[in-house]
Amino acid sequence: MMIDKIMEIMAGHQSDAITKQKKYAVLLPLIKVDDAIHVLYEVRSRRVSQPGETSFPGGAVEGEESFLEAATREMEEELGIDKSAIQVLGEMDYIVTQTHIIKCFVGWLPDSDVVDLKPNEEVADIFTIPLDYLLNHEPKYYEVRLKMVRDDNFPFELISGGNQYKWRNINQRIPFYDLTEHYLWGYTAHITHRFSELIKEEKGEIDKLQY
């Protein structure tokens, strides 16, 4: 019977997004600088898209590799750090849009020094920001309004309301950190801010236990 075949199909199906987004993975590296924990960032070179922008080590998920495998591979390629030197602390919340999924992992580099890193041609520069600074300075969010534009041949006759259909415009909030020498905004700032929120939330719980 058809219902039996449907049951068989559904029982063996692994759910995935209906829209086929590209998959990316990044690693948020933590490194010690002068006995303080810093977050490590890259400045993208002119060999890659969005040159001059700040990013985390990362890139597209290739073949059958997992998000985590992609993040550590990219870290190794871009900064010359052996995978064995990266202590992965866990996975953060991730970003999903209609075109891509970005998953982020937090990595600790206990035996690495910033001056010993060897960035490849995709990286123009590296810099760090003290974690304490990020915990005590919130980004400022600005709103961008994205308006939907339809093709001339869009089949309005096939939808309720026709060309009077009430489309929903998309409002996107974009965070910016106030830094004097570097840019930090967009997805990298989103991930940075969420990471600082997670630390502050947990720190609050720890502080409660001390009373």
C-alpha atoms as a PDB file:
ATOM      1  CA  MET A   1       0.000   0.000   0.000  1.00  0.00           C
ATOM      2  CA  MET A   2       1.082   3.558  -0.623  1.00  0.00           C
ATOM      3  CA  ILE A   3       0.836   4.455   3.070  1.00  0.00           C
ATOM      4  CA  ASP A   4       3.266   1.654   3.917  1.00  0.00           C
ATOM      5  CA  LYS A   5       5.752   3.032   1.402  1.00  0.00           C
ATOM      6  CA  ILE A   6       5.334   6.520   2.864  1.00  0.00           C
ATOM      7  CA  MET A   7       5.936   5.139   6.361  1.00  0.00           C
ATOM      8  CA  GLU A   8       9.126   3.464   5.120  1.00  0.00           C
ATOM      9  CA  ILE A   9      10.344   6.656   3.450  1.00  0.00           C
ATOM     10  CA  MET A  10       9.663   8.815   6.494  1.00  0.00           C
ATOM     11  CA  ALA A  11      11.224   6.337   8.937  1.00  0.00           C
ATOM     12  CA  GLY A  12      14.518   6.460   7.061  1.00  0.00           C
ATOM     13  CA  HIS A  13      14.559  10.163   6.248  1.00  0.00           C
ATOM     14  CA  GLN A  14      17.057  12.512   7.901  1.00  0.00           C
ATOM     15  CA  SER A  15      15.529  15.987   8.147  1.00  0.00           C
ATOM     16  CA  ASP A  16      17.277  18.918   6.496  1.00  0.00           C
ATOM     17  CA  ALA A  17      16.397  22.458   5.446  1.00  0.00           C
ATOM     18  CA  ILE A  18      14.024  22.590   2.476  1.00  0.00           C
ATOM     19  CA  THR A  19      15.972  25.503   1.062  1.00  0.00           C
ATOM     20  CA  LYS A  20      19.471  24.281   0.198  1.00  0.00           C
ATOM     21  CA  GLN A  21      21.707  26.712   2.019  1.00  0.00           C
ATOM     22  CA  LYS A  22      25.474  26.665   1.672  1.00  0.00           C
ATOM     23  CA  LYS A  23      27.155  25.420   4.832  1.00  0.00           C
ATOM     24  CA  TYR A  24      29.975  27.281   6.552  1.00  0.00           C
ATOM     25  CA  ALA A  25      31.871  26.744   9.797  1.00  0.00           C
ATOM     26  CA  VAL A  26      33.987  29.141  11.830  1.00  0.00           C
ATOM     27  CA  LEU A  27      36.053  28.850  14.969  1.00  0.00           C
ATOM     28  CA  LEU A  28      36.118  31.529  17.667  1.00  0.00           C
ATOM     29  CA  PRO A  29      39.679  31.222  19.014  1.00  0.00           C
ATOM     30  CA  LEU A  30      40.617  32.110  22.578  1.00  0.00           C
ATOM     31  CA  ILE A  31      44.298  32.770  23.242  1.00  0.00           C
ATOM     32  CA  LYS A  32      46.304  34.043  26.193  1.00  0.00           C
ATOM     33  CA  VAL A  33      47.963  37.456  25.828  1.00  0.00           C
ATOM     34  CA  ASP A  34      49.874  38.844  28.832  1.00  0.00           C
ATOM     35  CA  ASP A  35      48.076  36.412  31.172  1.00  0.00           C
ATOM     36  CA  ALA A  36      44.634  37.547  29.968  1.00  0.00           C
ATOM     37  CA  ILE A  37      42.223  35.699  27.688  1.00  0.00           C
ATOM     38  CA  HIS A  38      41.753  37.364  24.304  1.00  0.00           C
ATOM     39  CA  VAL A  39      39.549  36.611  21.301  1.00  0.00           C
ATOM     40  CA  LEU A  40      41.544  36.227  18.095  1.00  0.00           C
ATOM     41  CA  TYR A  41      40.365  37.769  14.806  1.00  0.00           C
ATOM     42  CA  GLU A  42      41.567  37.791  11.207  1.00  0.00           C
ATOM     43  CA  VAL A  43      41.591  40.596   8.640  1.00  0.00           C
ATOM     44  CA  ARG A  44      40.682  39.194   5.229  1.00  0.00           C
ATOM     45  CA  SER A  45      43.223  39.707   2.455  1.00  0.00           C
ATOM     46  CA  ARG A  46      42.586  40.814  -1.120  1.00  0.00           C
ATOM     47  CA  ARG A  47      42.899  37.191  -2.207  1.00  0.00           C
ATOM     48  CA  VAL A  48      39.424  36.453  -0.869  1.00  0.00           C
ATOM     49  CA  SER A  49      35.972  38.042  -0.907  1.00  0.00           C
ATOM     50  CA  GLN A  50      35.232  41.004   1.389  1.00  0.00           C
ATOM     51  CA  PRO A  51      38.891  42.102   1.731  1.00  0.00           C
ATOM     52  CA  GLY A  52      39.709  44.184   4.767  1.00  0.00           C
ATOM     53  CA  GLU A  53      36.801  42.829   6.782  1.00  0.00           C
ATOM     54  CA  THR A  54      37.215  41.194  10.174  1.00  0.00           C
ATOM     55  CA  SER A  55      36.344  37.513  10.424  1.00  0.00           C
ATOM     56  CA  PHE A  56      36.965  34.349  12.374  1.00  0.00           C
ATOM     57  CA  PRO A  57      38.966  31.485  10.860  1.00  0.00           C
ATOM     58  CA  GLY A  58      36.539  29.451   8.790  1.00  0.00           C
ATOM     59  CA  GLY A  59      35.026  28.663   5.441  1.00  0.00           C
ATOM     60  CA  ALA A  60      32.778  26.346   3.478  1.00  0.00           C
ATOM     61  CA  VAL A  61      32.071  22.794   4.586  1.00  0.00           C
ATOM     62  CA  GLU A  62      33.609  20.502   1.975  1.00  0.00           C
ATOM     63  CA  GLY A  63      32.445  17.066   0.851  1.00  0.00           C
ATOM     64  CA  GLU A  64      31.367  14.787   3.671  1.00  0.00           C
ATOM     65  CA  GLU A  65      33.205  16.601   6.450  1.00  0.00           C
ATOM     66  CA  SER A  66      31.328  17.800   9.519  1.00  0.00           C
ATOM     67  CA  PHE A  67      30.963  21.442  10.515  1.00  0.00           C
ATOM     68  CA  LEU A  68      33.552  20.920  13.249  1.00  0.00           C
ATOM     69  CA  GLU A  69      36.007  19.265  10.866  1.00  0.00           C
ATOM     70  CA  ALA A  70      35.625  22.208   8.478  1.00  0.00           C
ATOM     71  CA  ALA A  71      36.209  24.769  11.252  1.00  0.00           C
ATOM     72  CA  THR A  72      39.396  23.126  12.535  1.00  0.00           C
ATOM     73  CA  ARG A  73      40.686  22.481   9.004  1.00  0.00           C
ATOM     74  CA  GLU A  74      40.226  26.140   8.085  1.00  0.00           C
ATOM     75  CA  MET A  75      41.904  27.217  11.327  1.00  0.00           C
ATOM     76  CA  GLU A  76      44.887  25.014  10.533  1.00  0.00           C
ATOM     77  CA  GLU A  77      45.132  26.273   6.939  1.00  0.00           C
ATOM     78  CA  GLU A  78      44.652  29.973   7.654  1.00  0.00           C
ATOM     79  CA  LEU A  79      46.783  30.378  10.791  1.00  0.00           C
ATOM     80  CA  GLY A  80      49.220  27.481  10.597  1.00  0.00           C
ATOM     81  CA  ILE A  81      47.997  25.900  13.843  1.00  0.00           C
ATOM     82  CA  ASP A  82      48.046  22.114  14.033  1.00  0.00           C
ATOM     83  CA  LYS A  83      44.625  20.670  14.828  1.00  0.00           C
ATOM     84  CA  SER A  84      46.094  18.901  17.837  1.00  0.00           C
ATOM     85  CA  ALA A  85      46.873  22.326  19.385  1.00  0.00           C
ATOM     86  CA  ILE A  86      43.208  23.374  19.271  1.00  0.00           C
ATOM     87  CA  GLN A  87      41.130  22.460  22.304  1.00  0.00           C
ATOM     88  CA  VAL A  88      37.510  22.670  21.156  1.00  0.00           C
ATOM     89  CA  LEU A  89      35.388  23.848  24.092  1.00  0.00           C
ATOM     90  CA  GLY A  90      32.004  23.438  22.446  1.00  0.00           C
ATOM     91  CA  GLU A  91      29.562  24.639  19.815  1.00  0.00           C
ATOM     92  CA  MET A  92      27.798  27.994  19.985  1.00  0.00           C
ATOM     93  CA  ASP A  93      24.424  29.089  18.686  1.00  0.00           C
ATOM     94  CA  TYR A  94      24.493  29.353  14.912  1.00  0.00           C
ATOM     95  CA  ILE A  95      23.274  31.630  12.135  1.00  0.00           C
ATOM     96  CA  VAL A  96      20.702  30.556   9.546  1.00  0.00           C
ATOM     97  CA  THR A  97      19.643  32.626   6.554  1.00  0.00           C
ATOM     98  CA  GLN A  98      17.833  31.734   3.358  1.00  0.00           C
ATOM     99  CA  THR A  99      21.169  31.260   1.591  1.00  0.00           C
ATOM    100  CA  HIS A 100      23.531  29.805   4.205  1.00  0.00           C
ATOM    101  CA  ILE A 101      24.089  28.201   7.591  1.00  0.00           C
ATOM    102  CA  ILE A 102      27.056  29.312   9.710  1.00  0.00           C
ATOM    103  CA  LYS A 103      27.997  27.159  12.684  1.00  0.00           C
ATOM    104  CA  CYS A 104      30.555  28.350  15.212  1.00  0.00           C
ATOM    105  CA  PHE A 105      32.792  26.460  17.619  1.00  0.00           C
ATOM    106  CA  VAL A 106      34.819  27.931  20.477  1.00  0.00           C
ATOM    107  CA  GLY A 107      38.465  26.887  20.568  1.00  0.00           C
ATOM    108  CA  TRP A 108      41.143  27.383  23.202  1.00  0.00           C
ATOM    109  CA  LEU A 109      44.797  27.652  22.146  1.00  0.00           C
ATOM    110  CA  PRO A 110      46.580  26.910  25.437  1.00  0.00           C
ATOM    111  CA  ASP A 111      50.094  26.542  24.002  1.00  0.00           C
ATOM    112  CA  SER A 112      49.993  29.130  21.209  1.00  0.00           C
ATOM    113  CA  ASP A 113      51.428  32.621  21.043  1.00  0.00           C
ATOM    114  CA  VAL A 114      50.063  35.265  18.673  1.00  0.00           C
ATOM    115  CA  VAL A 115      53.551  36.147  17.391  1.00  0.00           C
ATOM    116  CA  ASP A 116      54.163  32.526  16.365  1.00  0.00           C
ATOM    117  CA  LEU A 117      51.081  32.219  14.158  1.00  0.00           C
ATOM    118  CA  LYS A 118      51.708  31.869  10.430  1.00  0.00           C
ATOM    119  CA  PRO A 119      48.737  33.293   8.473  1.00  0.00           C
ATOM    120  CA  ASN A 120      48.364  32.151   4.860  1.00  0.00           C
ATOM    121  CA  GLU A 121      47.626  34.305   1.812  1.00  0.00           C
ATOM    122  CA  GLU A 122      43.931  34.584   2.721  1.00  0.00           C
ATOM    123  CA  VAL A 123      44.779  36.552   5.879  1.00  0.00           C
ATOM    124  CA  ALA A 124      46.145  40.102   5.696  1.00  0.00           C
ATOM    125  CA  ASP A 125      46.529  40.532   9.452  1.00  0.00           C
ATOM    126  CA  ILE A 126      45.503  39.146  12.824  1.00  0.00           C
ATOM    127  CA  PHE A 127      44.613  40.943  16.034  1.00  0.00           C
ATOM    128  CA  THR A 128      43.116  40.175  19.423  1.00  0.00           C
ATOM    129  CA  ILE A 129      40.598  41.838  21.727  1.00  0.00           C
ATOM    130  CA  PRO A 130      40.627  41.176  25.490  1.00  0.00           C
ATOM    131  CA  LEU A 131      37.628  39.108  26.519  1.00  0.00           C
ATOM    132  CA  ASP A 132      37.065  41.524  29.405  1.00  0.00           C
ATOM    133  CA  TYR A 133      36.577  44.349  26.911  1.00  0.00           C
ATOM    134  CA  LEU A 134      33.922  42.394  25.029  1.00  0.00           C
ATOM    135  CA  LEU A 135      32.176  41.492  28.280  1.00  0.00           C
ATOM    136  CA  ASN A 136      31.992  45.144  29.275  1.00  0.00           C
ATOM    137  CA  HIS A 137      31.245  46.814  25.933  1.00  0.00           C
ATOM    138  CA  GLU A 138      28.033  46.094  24.058  1.00  0.00           C
ATOM    139  CA  PRO A 139      27.809  46.518  20.294  1.00  0.00           C
ATOM    140  CA  LYS A 140      25.394  49.071  18.867  1.00  0.00           C
ATOM    141  CA  TYR A 141      22.706  47.697  16.559  1.00  0.00           C
ATOM    142  CA  TYR A 142      21.526  49.482  13.425  1.00  0.00           C
ATOM    143  CA  GLU A 143      18.525  48.460  11.366  1.00  0.00           C
ATOM    144  CA  VAL A 144      18.503  47.802   7.635  1.00  0.00           C
ATOM    145  CA  ARG A 145      15.198  47.485   5.790  1.00  0.00           C
ATOM    146  CA  LEU A 146      15.249  45.020   2.922  1.00  0.00           C
ATOM    147  CA  LYS A 147      12.501  45.506   0.348  1.00  0.00           C
ATOM    148  CA  MET A 148      11.242  42.606  -1.771  1.00  0.00           C
ATOM    149  CA  VAL A 149      11.395  43.208  -5.545  1.00  0.00           C
ATOM    150  CA  ARG A 150       9.496  40.851  -7.875  1.00  0.00           C
ATOM    151  CA  ASP A 151      10.344  39.895 -11.455  1.00  0.00           C
ATOM    152  CA  ASP A 152       8.168  41.426 -14.166  1.00  0.00           C
ATOM    153  CA  ASN A 153       6.795  37.990 -15.056  1.00  0.00           C
ATOM    154  CA  PHE A 154       5.934  37.025 -11.467  1.00  0.00           C
ATOM    155  CA  PRO A 155       2.643  34.997 -11.615  1.00  0.00           C
ATOM    156  CA  PHE A 156       0.430  37.232  -9.448  1.00  0.00           C
ATOM    157  CA  GLU A 157      -2.644  35.480 -10.870  1.00  0.00           C
ATOM    158  CA  LEU A 158      -1.658  32.328  -8.964  1.00  0.00           C
ATOM    159  CA  ILE A 159      -1.731  33.889  -5.484  1.00  0.00           C
ATOM    160  CA  SER A 160      -4.524  35.227  -3.301  1.00  0.00           C
ATOM    161  CA  GLY A 161      -4.737  39.002  -3.612  1.00  0.00           C
ATOM    162  CA  GLY A 162      -2.874  39.114  -6.916  1.00  0.00           C
ATOM    163  CA  ASN A 163      -0.572  42.101  -7.328  1.00  0.00           C
ATOM    164  CA  GLN A 164      -2.117  43.616  -4.184  1.00  0.00           C
ATOM    165  CA  TYR A 165      -0.673  40.834  -2.022  1.00  0.00           C
ATOM    166  CA  LYS A 166       0.811  42.268   1.176  1.00  0.00           C
ATOM    167  CA  TRP A 167       4.456  41.240   1.079  1.00  0.00           C
ATOM    168  CA  ARG A 168       6.402  41.458   4.296  1.00  0.00           C
ATOM    169  CA  ASN A 169       9.552  43.551   4.165  1.00  0.00           C
ATOM    170  CA  ILE A 170      12.492  42.204   6.145  1.00  0.00           C
ATOM    171  CA  ASN A 171      14.122  44.311   8.854  1.00  0.00           C
ATOM    172  CA  GLN A 172      17.627  43.198   9.752  1.00  0.00           C
ATOM    173  CA  ARG A 173      19.506  44.368  12.842  1.00  0.00           C
ATOM    174  CA  ILE A 174      23.278  44.607  12.325  1.00  0.00           C
ATOM    175  CA  PRO A 175      25.704  44.997  15.274  1.00  0.00           C
ATOM    176  CA  PHE A 176      28.783  47.224  15.250  1.00  0.00           C
ATOM    177  CA  TYR A 177      31.530  47.318  17.876  1.00  0.00           C
ATOM    178  CA  ASP A 178      33.283  50.637  18.477  1.00  0.00           C
ATOM    179  CA  LEU A 179      36.960  49.903  17.778  1.00  0.00           C
ATOM    180  CA  THR A 180      39.601  52.449  16.870  1.00  0.00           C
ATOM    181  CA  GLU A 181      41.843  50.387  14.582  1.00  0.00           C
ATOM    182  CA  HIS A 182      39.678  47.583  13.202  1.00  0.00           C
ATOM    183  CA  TYR A 183      36.207  46.826  11.857  1.00  0.00           C
ATOM    184  CA  LEU A 184      33.959  44.464  13.791  1.00  0.00           C
ATOM    185  CA  TRP A 185      30.408  44.220  12.537  1.00  0.00           C
ATOM    186  CA  GLY A 186      27.930  41.894  10.814  1.00  0.00           C
ATOM    187  CA  TYR A 187      28.019  38.140  11.373  1.00  0.00           C
ATOM    188  CA  THR A 188      31.381  38.228  13.163  1.00  0.00           C
ATOM    189  CA  ALA A 189      30.019  40.836  15.578  1.00  0.00           C
ATOM    190  CA  HIS A 190      26.814  38.794  16.016  1.00  0.00           C
ATOM    191  CA  ILE A 191      28.822  35.736  17.021  1.00  0.00           C
ATOM    192  CA  THR A 192      31.108  37.798  19.262  1.00  0.00           C
ATOM    193  CA  HIS A 193      28.148  39.377  21.039  1.00  0.00           C
ATOM    194  CA  ARG A 194      26.368  36.048  21.528  1.00  0.00           C
ATOM    195  CA  PHE A 195      29.542  34.532  22.948  1.00  0.00           C
ATOM    196  CA  SER A 196      29.896  37.402  25.430  1.00  0.00           C
ATOM    197  CA  GLU A 197      26.244  36.946  26.412  1.00  0.00           C
ATOM    198  CA  LEU A 198      26.783  33.243  27.093  1.00  0.00           C
ATOM    199  CA  ILE A 199      29.780  33.997  29.305  1.00  0.00           C
ATOM    200  CA  LYS A 200      27.945  36.749  31.200  1.00  0.00           C
ATOM    201  CA  GLU A 201      24.876  34.546  31.715  1.00  0.00           C
ATOM    202  CA  GLU A 202      27.004  31.766  33.172  1.00  0.00           C
ATOM    203  CA  LYS A 203      29.062  34.219  35.218  1.00  0.00           C
ATOM    204  CA  GLY A 204      25.837  35.521  36.736  1.00  0.00           C
ATOM    205  CA  GLU A 205      24.861  32.029  37.827  1.00  0.00           C
ATOM    206  CA  ILE A 206      28.313  31.451  39.352  1.00  0.00           C
ATOM    207  CA  ASP A 207      28.107  34.771  41.237  1.00  0.00           C
ATOM    208  CA  LYS A 208      24.719  33.760  42.673  1.00  0.00           C
ATOM    209  CA  LEU A 209      26.200  30.573  44.119  1.00  0.00           C
ATOM    210  CA  GLN A 210      28.775  32.609  46.035  1.00  0.00           C
ATOM    211  CA  TYR A 211      26.157  34.232  48.267  1.00  0.00           C
END
